Amino acid sequence: FQLQQIFRVDISIAFNILGIESMRAGHYRIAYTCFKLAAD
């Protein structure tokens, strides 16, 4: 269970970082999708 939680958080962090980088590059739709995956 702990490993699942860590994996879940790490994936969320990764999606959020991808979203931030996409936003900076002006790829707003991709950024939104990444943020939404982590937010959910």
PDB file of all heavy atoms in Angstrom:
ATOM      1  N   PHE A   1       0.835  -1.198   0.000  1.00  0.00           N
ATOM      2  CA  PHE A   1       0.000   0.000   0.000  1.00  0.00           C
ATOM      3  C   PHE A   1       0.876   1.257   0.000  1.00  0.00           C
ATOM      4  O   PHE A   1       0.619   2.207  -0.739  1.00  0.00           O
ATOM      5  CB  PHE A   1      -0.924  -0.002   1.223  1.00  0.00           C
ATOM      6  CG  PHE A   1      -1.759   1.234   1.344  1.00  0.00           C
ATOM      7  CD1 PHE A   1      -2.845   1.436   0.507  1.00  0.00           C
ATOM      8  CD2 PHE A   1      -1.443   2.206   2.293  1.00  0.00           C
ATOM      9  CE1 PHE A   1      -3.612   2.594   0.608  1.00  0.00           C
ATOM     10  CE2 PHE A   1      -2.203   3.361   2.398  1.00  0.00           C
ATOM     11  CZ  PHE A   1      -3.285   3.553   1.556  1.00  0.00           C
ATOM     12  N   GLN A   2       1.916   1.264   0.825  1.00  0.00           N
ATOM     13  CA  GLN A   2       2.831   2.418   0.893  1.00  0.00           C
ATOM     14  C   GLN A   2       3.511   2.645  -0.452  1.00  0.00           C
ATOM     15  O   GLN A   2       3.658   3.788  -0.899  1.00  0.00           O
ATOM     16  CB  GLN A   2       3.888   2.200   1.994  1.00  0.00           C
ATOM     17  CG  GLN A   2       3.338   2.230   3.403  1.00  0.00           C
ATOM     18  CD  GLN A   2       2.741   3.577   3.772  1.00  0.00           C
ATOM     19  OE1 GLN A   2       3.165   4.612   3.287  1.00  0.00           O
ATOM     20  NE2 GLN A   2       1.733   3.551   4.633  1.00  0.00           N
ATOM     21  N   LEU A   3       3.935   1.557  -1.116  1.00  0.00           N
ATOM     22  CA  LEU A   3       4.563   1.687  -2.437  1.00  0.00           C
ATOM     23  C   LEU A   3       3.588   2.260  -3.452  1.00  0.00           C
ATOM     24  O   LEU A   3       3.959   3.104  -4.267  1.00  0.00           O
ATOM     25  CB  LEU A   3       5.075   0.323  -2.919  1.00  0.00           C
ATOM     26  CG  LEU A   3       6.428  -0.122  -2.362  1.00  0.00           C
ATOM     27  CD1 LEU A   3       6.724  -1.545  -2.784  1.00  0.00           C
ATOM     28  CD2 LEU A   3       7.534   0.812  -2.814  1.00  0.00           C
ATOM     29  N   GLN A   4       2.339   1.835  -3.385  1.00  0.00           N
ATOM     30  CA  GLN A   4       1.319   2.377  -4.288  1.00  0.00           C
ATOM     31  C   GLN A   4       1.151   3.876  -4.062  1.00  0.00           C
ATOM     32  O   GLN A   4       1.040   4.648  -5.013  1.00  0.00           O
ATOM     33  CB  GLN A   4      -0.022   1.682  -4.066  1.00  0.00           C
ATOM     34  CG  GLN A   4      -0.129   0.326  -4.694  1.00  0.00           C
ATOM     35  CD  GLN A   4      -1.493  -0.294  -4.418  1.00  0.00           C
ATOM     36  OE1 GLN A   4      -2.038  -0.139  -3.337  1.00  0.00           O
ATOM     37  NE2 GLN A   4      -2.029  -0.993  -5.408  1.00  0.00           N
ATOM     38  N   GLN A   5       1.128   4.293  -2.797  1.00  0.00           N
ATOM     39  CA  GLN A   5       0.960   5.712  -2.465  1.00  0.00           C
ATOM     40  C   GLN A   5       2.141   6.533  -2.984  1.00  0.00           C
ATOM     41  O   GLN A   5       1.952   7.608  -3.544  1.00  0.00           O
ATOM     42  CB  GLN A   5       0.809   5.907  -0.953  1.00  0.00           C
ATOM     43  CG  GLN A   5      -0.469   5.336  -0.369  1.00  0.00           C
ATOM     44  CD  GLN A   5      -1.701   5.950  -1.009  1.00  0.00           C
ATOM     45  OE1 GLN A   5      -2.302   5.379  -1.922  1.00  0.00           O
ATOM     46  NE2 GLN A   5      -2.078   7.121  -0.562  1.00  0.00           N
ATOM     47  N   ILE A   6       3.350   6.016  -2.785  1.00  0.00           N
ATOM     48  CA  ILE A   6       4.551   6.722  -3.247  1.00  0.00           C
ATOM     49  C   ILE A   6       4.520   6.847  -4.770  1.00  0.00           C
ATOM     50  O   ILE A   6       4.786   7.915  -5.330  1.00  0.00           O
ATOM     51  CB  ILE A   6       5.831   5.999  -2.771  1.00  0.00           C
ATOM     52  CG1 ILE A   6       5.973   6.156  -1.251  1.00  0.00           C
ATOM     53  CG2 ILE A   6       7.067   6.529  -3.481  1.00  0.00           C
ATOM     54  CD1 ILE A   6       7.002   5.246  -0.619  1.00  0.00           C
ATOM     55  N   PHE A   7       4.182   5.757  -5.445  1.00  0.00           N
ATOM     56  CA  PHE A   7       4.107   5.766  -6.912  1.00  0.00           C
ATOM     57  C   PHE A   7       3.067   6.770  -7.376  1.00  0.00           C
ATOM     58  O   PHE A   7       3.305   7.538  -8.309  1.00  0.00           O
ATOM     59  CB  PHE A   7       3.776   4.365  -7.424  1.00  0.00           C
ATOM     60  CG  PHE A   7       3.664   4.289  -8.914  1.00  0.00           C
ATOM     61  CD1 PHE A   7       4.792   4.382  -9.712  1.00  0.00           C
ATOM     62  CD2 PHE A   7       2.422   4.135  -9.530  1.00  0.00           C
ATOM     63  CE1 PHE A   7       4.692   4.323 -11.094  1.00  0.00           C
ATOM     64  CE2 PHE A   7       2.310   4.079 -10.913  1.00  0.00           C
ATOM     65  CZ  PHE A   7       3.456   4.170 -11.698  1.00  0.00           C
ATOM     66  N   ARG A   8       1.931   6.777  -6.714  1.00  0.00           N
ATOM     67  CA  ARG A   8       0.843   7.686  -7.079  1.00  0.00           C
ATOM     68  C   ARG A   8       1.272   9.144  -6.943  1.00  0.00           C
ATOM     69  O   ARG A   8       1.021   9.964  -7.819  1.00  0.00           O
ATOM     70  CB  ARG A   8      -0.352   7.391  -6.174  1.00  0.00           C
ATOM     71  CG  ARG A   8      -1.594   8.120  -6.527  1.00  0.00           C
ATOM     72  CD  ARG A   8      -2.723   7.639  -5.647  1.00  0.00           C
ATOM     73  NE  ARG A   8      -3.756   8.637  -5.627  1.00  0.00           N
ATOM     74  CZ  ARG A   8      -4.818   8.578  -4.863  1.00  0.00           C
ATOM     75  NH1 ARG A   8      -4.994   7.567  -4.066  1.00  0.00           N
ATOM     76  NH2 ARG A   8      -5.708   9.523  -4.902  1.00  0.00           N
ATOM     77  N   VAL A   9       1.941   9.462  -5.835  1.00  0.00           N
ATOM     78  CA  VAL A   9       2.416  10.835  -5.609  1.00  0.00           C
ATOM     79  C   VAL A   9       3.493  11.195  -6.618  1.00  0.00           C
ATOM     80  O   VAL A   9       3.474  12.282  -7.200  1.00  0.00           O
ATOM     81  CB  VAL A   9       2.920  11.007  -4.157  1.00  0.00           C
ATOM     82  CG1 VAL A   9       3.639  12.322  -3.990  1.00  0.00           C
ATOM     83  CG2 VAL A   9       1.764  10.899  -3.177  1.00  0.00           C
ATOM     84  N   ASP A  10       4.444  10.275  -6.868  1.00  0.00           N
ATOM     85  CA  ASP A  10       5.518  10.555  -7.820  1.00  0.00           C
ATOM     86  C   ASP A  10       4.966  10.811  -9.227  1.00  0.00           C
ATOM     87  O   ASP A  10       5.417  11.718  -9.917  1.00  0.00           O
ATOM     88  CB  ASP A  10       6.517   9.393  -7.861  1.00  0.00           C
ATOM     89  CG  ASP A  10       7.427   9.391  -6.639  1.00  0.00           C
ATOM     90  OD1 ASP A  10       7.416  10.380  -5.880  1.00  0.00           O
ATOM     91  OD2 ASP A  10       8.145   8.390  -6.451  1.00  0.00           O
ATOM     92  N   ILE A  11       3.984  10.024  -9.646  1.00  0.00           N
ATOM     93  CA  ILE A  11       3.373  10.220 -10.960  1.00  0.00           C
ATOM     94  C   ILE A  11       2.686  11.584 -11.011  1.00  0.00           C
ATOM     95  O   ILE A  11       2.805  12.314 -11.989  1.00  0.00           O
ATOM     96  CB  ILE A  11       2.352   9.087 -11.257  1.00  0.00           C
ATOM     97  CG1 ILE A  11       3.070   7.786 -11.533  1.00  0.00           C
ATOM     98  CG2 ILE A  11       1.445   9.443 -12.418  1.00  0.00           C
ATOM     99  CD1 ILE A  11       3.864   7.761 -12.817  1.00  0.00           C
ATOM    100  N   SER A  12       2.010  11.939  -9.938  1.00  0.00           N
ATOM    101  CA  SER A  12       1.319  13.233  -9.879  1.00  0.00           C
ATOM    102  C   SER A  12       2.307  14.383  -9.973  1.00  0.00           C
ATOM    103  O   SER A  12       2.072  15.354 -10.691  1.00  0.00           O
ATOM    104  CB  SER A  12       0.502  13.345  -8.585  1.00  0.00           C
ATOM    105  OG  SER A  12      -0.475  12.339  -8.548  1.00  0.00           O
ATOM    106  N   ILE A  13       3.414  14.254  -9.252  1.00  0.00           N
ATOM    107  CA  ILE A  13       4.453  15.300  -9.301  1.00  0.00           C
ATOM    108  C   ILE A  13       5.002  15.410 -10.718  1.00  0.00           C
ATOM    109  O   ILE A  13       5.175  16.513 -11.247  1.00  0.00           O
ATOM    110  CB  ILE A  13       5.577  15.004  -8.282  1.00  0.00           C
ATOM    111  CG1 ILE A  13       5.049  15.160  -6.857  1.00  0.00           C
ATOM    112  CG2 ILE A  13       6.773  15.927  -8.506  1.00  0.00           C
ATOM    113  CD1 ILE A  13       5.986  14.646  -5.776  1.00  0.00           C
ATOM    114  N   ALA A  14       5.268  14.265 -11.348  1.00  0.00           N
ATOM    115  CA  ALA A  14       5.804  14.263 -12.705  1.00  0.00           C
ATOM    116  C   ALA A  14       4.830  14.923 -13.681  1.00  0.00           C
ATOM    117  O   ALA A  14       5.230  15.747 -14.513  1.00  0.00           O
ATOM    118  CB  ALA A  14       6.117  12.832 -13.142  1.00  0.00           C
ATOM    119  N   PHE A  15       3.543  14.562 -13.591  1.00  0.00           N
ATOM    120  CA  PHE A  15       2.544  15.182 -14.472  1.00  0.00           C
ATOM    121  C   PHE A  15       2.479  16.688 -14.244  1.00  0.00           C
ATOM    122  O   PHE A  15       2.368  17.463 -15.197  1.00  0.00           O
ATOM    123  CB  PHE A  15       1.158  14.574 -14.253  1.00  0.00           C
ATOM    124  CG  PHE A  15       0.915  13.289 -14.999  1.00  0.00           C
ATOM    125  CD1 PHE A  15       0.380  12.187 -14.355  1.00  0.00           C
ATOM    126  CD2 PHE A  15       1.203  13.182 -16.354  1.00  0.00           C
ATOM    127  CE1 PHE A  15       0.141  11.002 -15.038  1.00  0.00           C
ATOM    128  CE2 PHE A  15       0.973  12.011 -17.056  1.00  0.00           C
ATOM    129  CZ  PHE A  15       0.440  10.909 -16.387  1.00  0.00           C
ATOM    130  N   ASN A  16       2.541  17.111 -12.979  1.00  0.00           N
ATOM    131  CA  ASN A  16       2.476  18.541 -12.676  1.00  0.00           C
ATOM    132  C   ASN A  16       3.681  19.275 -13.264  1.00  0.00           C
ATOM    133  O   ASN A  16       3.546  20.353 -13.832  1.00  0.00           O
ATOM    134  CB  ASN A  16       2.376  18.763 -11.172  1.00  0.00           C
ATOM    135  CG  ASN A  16       1.972  20.174 -10.830  1.00  0.00           C
ATOM    136  OD1 ASN A  16       0.943  20.663 -11.271  1.00  0.00           O
ATOM    137  ND2 ASN A  16       2.801  20.849 -10.049  1.00  0.00           N
ATOM    138  N   ILE A  17       4.870  18.689 -13.140  1.00  0.00           N
ATOM    139  CA  ILE A  17       6.086  19.304 -13.699  1.00  0.00           C
ATOM    140  C   ILE A  17       5.981  19.388 -15.218  1.00  0.00           C
ATOM    141  O   ILE A  17       6.321  20.416 -15.818  1.00  0.00           O
ATOM    142  CB  ILE A  17       7.343  18.531 -13.252  1.00  0.00           C
ATOM    143  CG1 ILE A  17       7.569  18.733 -11.747  1.00  0.00           C
ATOM    144  CG2 ILE A  17       8.574  18.981 -14.042  1.00  0.00           C
ATOM    145  CD1 ILE A  17       8.616  17.826 -11.128  1.00  0.00           C
ATOM    146  N   LEU A  18       5.502  18.308 -15.845  1.00  0.00           N
ATOM    147  CA  LEU A  18       5.293  18.334 -17.303  1.00  0.00           C
ATOM    148  C   LEU A  18       4.314  19.440 -17.692  1.00  0.00           C
ATOM    149  O   LEU A  18       4.502  20.125 -18.702  1.00  0.00           O
ATOM    150  CB  LEU A  18       4.759  16.983 -17.792  1.00  0.00           C
ATOM    151  CG  LEU A  18       5.772  15.863 -17.977  1.00  0.00           C
ATOM    152  CD1 LEU A  18       5.059  14.545 -18.254  1.00  0.00           C
ATOM    153  CD2 LEU A  18       6.736  16.193 -19.105  1.00  0.00           C
ATOM    154  N   GLY A  19       3.288  19.603 -16.871  1.00  0.00           N
ATOM    155  CA  GLY A  19       2.319  20.666 -17.128  1.00  0.00           C
ATOM    156  C   GLY A  19       2.949  22.044 -17.058  1.00  0.00           C
ATOM    157  O   GLY A  19       2.711  22.899 -17.921  1.00  0.00           O
ATOM    158  N   ILE A  20       3.771  22.256 -16.042  1.00  0.00           N
ATOM    159  CA  ILE A  20       4.435  23.560 -15.884  1.00  0.00           C
ATOM    160  C   ILE A  20       5.360  23.837 -17.069  1.00  0.00           C
ATOM    161  O   ILE A  20       5.353  24.942 -17.639  1.00  0.00           O
ATOM    162  CB  ILE A  20       5.215  23.607 -14.547  1.00  0.00           C
ATOM    163  CG1 ILE A  20       4.230  23.613 -13.368  1.00  0.00           C
ATOM    164  CG2 ILE A  20       6.135  24.828 -14.496  1.00  0.00           C
ATOM    165  CD1 ILE A  20       4.872  23.372 -12.012  1.00  0.00           C
ATOM    166  N   GLU A  21       6.142  22.833 -17.471  1.00  0.00           N
ATOM    167  CA  GLU A  21       7.048  23.008 -18.619  1.00  0.00           C
ATOM    168  C   GLU A  21       6.268  23.256 -19.907  1.00  0.00           C
ATOM    169  O   GLU A  21       6.671  24.087 -20.729  1.00  0.00           O
ATOM    170  CB  GLU A  21       7.970  21.784 -18.762  1.00  0.00           C
ATOM    171  CG  GLU A  21       8.959  21.629 -17.617  1.00  0.00           C
ATOM    172  CD  GLU A  21       9.841  22.851 -17.404  1.00  0.00           C
ATOM    173  OE1 GLU A  21      10.338  23.434 -18.401  1.00  0.00           O
ATOM    174  OE2 GLU A  21      10.036  23.249 -16.235  1.00  0.00           O
ATOM    175  N   SER A  22       5.165  22.545 -20.079  1.00  0.00           N
ATOM    176  CA  SER A  22       4.332  22.751 -21.273  1.00  0.00           C
ATOM    177  C   SER A  22       3.732  24.144 -21.275  1.00  0.00           C
ATOM    178  O   SER A  22       3.655  24.804 -22.318  1.00  0.00           O
ATOM    179  CB  SER A  22       3.215  21.702 -21.326  1.00  0.00           C
ATOM    180  OG  SER A  22       3.763  20.408 -21.435  1.00  0.00           O
ATOM    181  N   MET A  23       3.299  24.623 -20.109  1.00  0.00           N
ATOM    182  CA  MET A  23       2.724  25.966 -19.995  1.00  0.00           C
ATOM    183  C   MET A  23       3.774  27.010 -20.383  1.00  0.00           C
ATOM    184  O   MET A  23       3.484  27.945 -21.143  1.00  0.00           O
ATOM    185  CB  MET A  23       2.214  26.189 -18.570  1.00  0.00           C
ATOM    186  CG  MET A  23       1.396  27.441 -18.373  1.00  0.00           C
ATOM    187  SD  MET A  23      -0.169  27.514 -19.277  1.00  0.00           S
ATOM    188  CE  MET A  23      -1.196  26.399 -18.371  1.00  0.00           C
ATOM    189  N   ARG A  24       4.989  26.830 -19.881  1.00  0.00           N
ATOM    190  CA  ARG A  24       6.080  27.777 -20.204  1.00  0.00           C
ATOM    191  C   ARG A  24       6.375  27.801 -21.703  1.00  0.00           C
ATOM    192  O   ARG A  24       6.755  28.833 -22.244  1.00  0.00           O
ATOM    193  CB  ARG A  24       7.347  27.407 -19.437  1.00  0.00           C
ATOM    194  CG  ARG A  24       7.277  27.754 -17.980  1.00  0.00           C
ATOM    195  CD  ARG A  24       8.581  27.466 -17.273  1.00  0.00           C
ATOM    196  NE  ARG A  24       8.456  27.774 -15.858  1.00  0.00           N
ATOM    197  CZ  ARG A  24       9.028  27.087 -14.893  1.00  0.00           C
ATOM    198  NH1 ARG A  24       9.797  26.056 -15.155  1.00  0.00           N
ATOM    199  NH2 ARG A  24       8.848  27.428 -13.629  1.00  0.00           N
ATOM    200  N   ALA A  25       6.225  26.643 -22.353  1.00  0.00           N
ATOM    201  CA  ALA A  25       6.499  26.546 -23.794  1.00  0.00           C
ATOM    202  C   ALA A  25       5.310  27.011 -24.635  1.00  0.00           C
ATOM    203  O   ALA A  25       5.391  27.027 -25.863  1.00  0.00           O
ATOM    204  CB  ALA A  25       6.862  25.108 -24.151  1.00  0.00           C
ATOM    205  N   GLY A  26       4.202  27.371 -23.968  1.00  0.00           N
ATOM    206  CA  GLY A  26       3.033  27.847 -24.692  1.00  0.00           C
ATOM    207  C   GLY A  26       2.113  26.740 -25.182  1.00  0.00           C
ATOM    208  O   GLY A  26       1.208  26.993 -25.965  1.00  0.00           O
ATOM    209  N   HIS A  27       2.344  25.515 -24.727  1.00  0.00           N
ATOM    210  CA  HIS A  27       1.496  24.384 -25.109  1.00  0.00           C
ATOM    211  C   HIS A  27       0.414  24.211 -24.041  1.00  0.00           C
ATOM    212  O   HIS A  27       0.461  23.306 -23.218  1.00  0.00           O
ATOM    213  CB  HIS A  27       2.333  23.108 -25.253  1.00  0.00           C
ATOM    214  CG  HIS A  27       3.474  23.246 -26.212  1.00  0.00           C
ATOM    215  ND1 HIS A  27       3.293  23.551 -27.544  1.00  0.00           N
ATOM    216  CD2 HIS A  27       4.815  23.135 -26.030  1.00  0.00           C
ATOM    217  CE1 HIS A  27       4.468  23.609 -28.135  1.00  0.00           C
ATOM    218  NE2 HIS A  27       5.413  23.366 -27.242  1.00  0.00           N
ATOM    219  N   TYR A  28      -0.571  25.101 -24.080  1.00  0.00           N
ATOM    220  CA  TYR A  28      -1.557  25.187 -23.007  1.00  0.00           C
ATOM    221  C   TYR A  28      -2.450  23.956 -22.898  1.00  0.00           C
ATOM    222  O   TYR A  28      -2.775  23.518 -21.803  1.00  0.00           O
ATOM    223  CB  TYR A  28      -2.413  26.443 -23.171  1.00  0.00           C
ATOM    224  CG  TYR A  28      -1.606  27.710 -23.186  1.00  0.00           C
ATOM    225  CD1 TYR A  28      -1.815  28.695 -24.138  1.00  0.00           C
ATOM    226  CD2 TYR A  28      -0.598  27.921 -22.244  1.00  0.00           C
ATOM    227  CE1 TYR A  28      -1.071  29.855 -24.157  1.00  0.00           C
ATOM    228  CE2 TYR A  28       0.162  29.082 -22.260  1.00  0.00           C
ATOM    229  CZ  TYR A  28      -0.073  30.038 -23.216  1.00  0.00           C
ATOM    230  OH  TYR A  28       0.673  31.179 -23.221  1.00  0.00           O
ATOM    231  N   ARG A  29      -2.849  23.383 -24.022  1.00  0.00           N
ATOM    232  CA  ARG A  29      -3.733  22.215 -24.005  1.00  0.00           C
ATOM    233  C   ARG A  29      -3.017  21.022 -23.354  1.00  0.00           C
ATOM    234  O   ARG A  29      -3.588  20.320 -22.532  1.00  0.00           O
ATOM    235  CB  ARG A  29      -4.166  21.889 -25.438  1.00  0.00           C
ATOM    236  CG  ARG A  29      -5.061  20.671 -25.577  1.00  0.00           C
ATOM    237  CD  ARG A  29      -6.279  20.782 -24.748  1.00  0.00           C
ATOM    238  NE  ARG A  29      -7.446  21.159 -25.488  1.00  0.00           N
ATOM    239  CZ  ARG A  29      -8.642  21.218 -24.936  1.00  0.00           C
ATOM    240  NH1 ARG A  29      -8.814  20.927 -23.678  1.00  0.00           N
ATOM    241  NH2 ARG A  29      -9.684  21.578 -25.635  1.00  0.00           N
ATOM    242  N   ILE A  30      -1.761  20.812 -23.716  1.00  0.00           N
ATOM    243  CA  ILE A  30      -0.973  19.725 -23.113  1.00  0.00           C
ATOM    244  C   ILE A  30      -0.782  19.984 -21.621  1.00  0.00           C
ATOM    245  O   ILE A  30      -0.925  19.076 -20.794  1.00  0.00           O
ATOM    246  CB  ILE A  30       0.390  19.574 -23.822  1.00  0.00           C
ATOM    247  CG1 ILE A  30       0.183  19.120 -25.269  1.00  0.00           C
ATOM    248  CG2 ILE A  30       1.294  18.592 -23.072  1.00  0.00           C
ATOM    249  CD1 ILE A  30       1.431  19.192 -26.132  1.00  0.00           C
ATOM    250  N   ALA A  31      -0.498  21.235 -21.263  1.00  0.00           N
ATOM    251  CA  ALA A  31      -0.309  21.599 -19.858  1.00  0.00           C
ATOM    252  C   ALA A  31      -1.567  21.289 -19.055  1.00  0.00           C
ATOM    253  O   ALA A  31      -1.496  20.650 -17.993  1.00  0.00           O
ATOM    254  CB  ALA A  31       0.046  23.083 -19.736  1.00  0.00           C
ATOM    255  N   TYR A  32      -2.708  21.717 -19.583  1.00  0.00           N
ATOM    256  CA  TYR A  32      -3.975  21.459 -18.902  1.00  0.00           C
ATOM    257  C   TYR A  32      -4.179  19.958 -18.700  1.00  0.00           C
ATOM    258  O   TYR A  32      -4.563  19.513 -17.617  1.00  0.00           O
ATOM    259  CB  TYR A  32      -5.143  22.064 -19.691  1.00  0.00           C
ATOM    260  CG  TYR A  32      -6.485  21.542 -19.249  1.00  0.00           C
ATOM    261  CD1 TYR A  32      -7.077  22.011 -18.081  1.00  0.00           C
ATOM    262  CD2 TYR A  32      -7.141  20.550 -19.969  1.00  0.00           C
ATOM    263  CE1 TYR A  32      -8.300  21.507 -17.652  1.00  0.00           C
ATOM    264  CE2 TYR A  32      -8.357  20.051 -19.552  1.00  0.00           C
ATOM    265  CZ  TYR A  32      -8.930  20.527 -18.391  1.00  0.00           C
ATOM    266  OH  TYR A  32     -10.131  20.021 -17.967  1.00  0.00           O
ATOM    267  N   THR A  33      -3.933  19.170 -19.726  1.00  0.00           N
ATOM    268  CA  THR A  33      -4.109  17.711 -19.642  1.00  0.00           C
ATOM    269  C   THR A  33      -3.218  17.108 -18.559  1.00  0.00           C
ATOM    270  O   THR A  33      -3.672  16.273 -17.765  1.00  0.00           O
ATOM    271  CB  THR A  33      -3.813  17.057 -21.012  1.00  0.00           C
ATOM    272  OG1 THR A  33      -4.693  17.626 -21.987  1.00  0.00           O
ATOM    273  CG2 THR A  33      -4.017  15.553 -20.958  1.00  0.00           C
ATOM    274  N   CYS A  34      -1.966  17.549 -18.513  1.00  0.00           N
ATOM    275  CA  CYS A  34      -1.036  17.048 -17.482  1.00  0.00           C
ATOM    276  C   CYS A  34      -1.505  17.444 -16.080  1.00  0.00           C
ATOM    277  O   CYS A  34      -1.516  16.614 -15.161  1.00  0.00           O
ATOM    278  CB  CYS A  34       0.373  17.574 -17.736  1.00  0.00           C
ATOM    279  SG  CYS A  34       1.151  16.875 -19.205  1.00  0.00           S
ATOM    280  N   PHE A  35      -1.869  18.707 -15.921  1.00  0.00           N
ATOM    281  CA  PHE A  35      -2.353  19.169 -14.615  1.00  0.00           C
ATOM    282  C   PHE A  35      -3.577  18.372 -14.178  1.00  0.00           C
ATOM    283  O   PHE A  35      -3.695  17.964 -13.031  1.00  0.00           O
ATOM    284  CB  PHE A  35      -2.721  20.658 -14.657  1.00  0.00           C
ATOM    285  CG  PHE A  35      -1.565  21.595 -14.832  1.00  0.00           C
ATOM    286  CD1 PHE A  35      -1.714  22.763 -15.563  1.00  0.00           C
ATOM    287  CD2 PHE A  35      -0.328  21.340 -14.254  1.00  0.00           C
ATOM    288  CE1 PHE A  35      -0.663  23.653 -15.723  1.00  0.00           C
ATOM    289  CE2 PHE A  35       0.734  22.224 -14.416  1.00  0.00           C
ATOM    290  CZ  PHE A  35       0.567  23.379 -15.155  1.00  0.00           C
ATOM    291  N   LYS A  36      -4.497  18.142 -15.135  1.00  0.00           N
ATOM    292  CA  LYS A  36      -5.750  17.442 -14.818  1.00  0.00           C
ATOM    293  C   LYS A  36      -5.480  16.001 -14.385  1.00  0.00           C
ATOM    294  O   LYS A  36      -6.091  15.512 -13.424  1.00  0.00           O
ATOM    295  CB  LYS A  36      -6.663  17.475 -16.045  1.00  0.00           C
ATOM    296  CG  LYS A  36      -8.038  16.897 -15.833  1.00  0.00           C
ATOM    297  CD  LYS A  36      -8.994  17.937 -15.300  1.00  0.00           C
ATOM    298  CE  LYS A  36     -10.435  17.505 -15.362  1.00  0.00           C
ATOM    299  NZ  LYS A  36     -10.755  16.283 -14.668  1.00  0.00           N
ATOM    300  N   LEU A  37      -4.547  15.335 -15.044  1.00  0.00           N
ATOM    301  CA  LEU A  37      -4.205  13.963 -14.666  1.00  0.00           C
ATOM    302  C   LEU A  37      -3.682  13.910 -13.228  1.00  0.00           C
ATOM    303  O   LEU A  37      -4.048  13.022 -12.452  1.00  0.00           O
ATOM    304  CB  LEU A  37      -3.161  13.385 -15.633  1.00  0.00           C
ATOM    305  CG  LEU A  37      -3.685  13.013 -17.020  1.00  0.00           C
ATOM    306  CD1 LEU A  37      -2.525  12.756 -17.973  1.00  0.00           C
ATOM    307  CD2 LEU A  37      -4.586  11.791 -16.939  1.00  0.00           C
ATOM    308  N   ALA A  38      -2.839  14.869 -12.877  1.00  0.00           N
ATOM    309  CA  ALA A  38      -2.293  14.906 -11.509  1.00  0.00           C
ATOM    310  C   ALA A  38      -3.359  15.352 -10.509  1.00  0.00           C
ATOM    311  O   ALA A  38      -3.431  14.828  -9.391  1.00  0.00           O
ATOM    312  CB  ALA A  38      -1.086  15.836 -11.453  1.00  0.00           C
ATOM    313  N   ALA A  39      -4.186  16.298 -10.919  1.00  0.00           N
ATOM    314  CA  ALA A  39      -5.239  16.799 -10.027  1.00  0.00           C
ATOM    315  C   ALA A  39      -6.236  15.703  -9.681  1.00  0.00           C
ATOM    316  O   ALA A  39      -6.666  15.579  -8.533  1.00  0.00           O
ATOM    317  CB  ALA A  39      -5.962  17.982 -10.674  1.00  0.00           C
ATOM    318  N   ASP A  40      -6.579  14.890 -10.671  1.00  0.00           N
ATOM    319  CA  ASP A  40      -7.540  13.808 -10.447  1.00  0.00           C
ATOM    320  C   ASP A  40      -6.981  12.731  -9.520  1.00  0.00           C
ATOM    321  O   ASP A  40      -7.738  11.909  -9.004  1.00  0.00           O
ATOM    322  CB  ASP A  40      -7.976  13.194 -11.782  1.00  0.00           C
ATOM    323  CG  ASP A  40      -8.853  14.145 -12.586  1.00  0.00           C
ATOM    324  OD1 ASP A  40      -9.353  15.140 -12.010  1.00  0.00           O
ATOM    325  OD2 ASP A  40      -9.034  13.909 -13.799  1.00  0.00           O
TER     326      ASP A  40
END
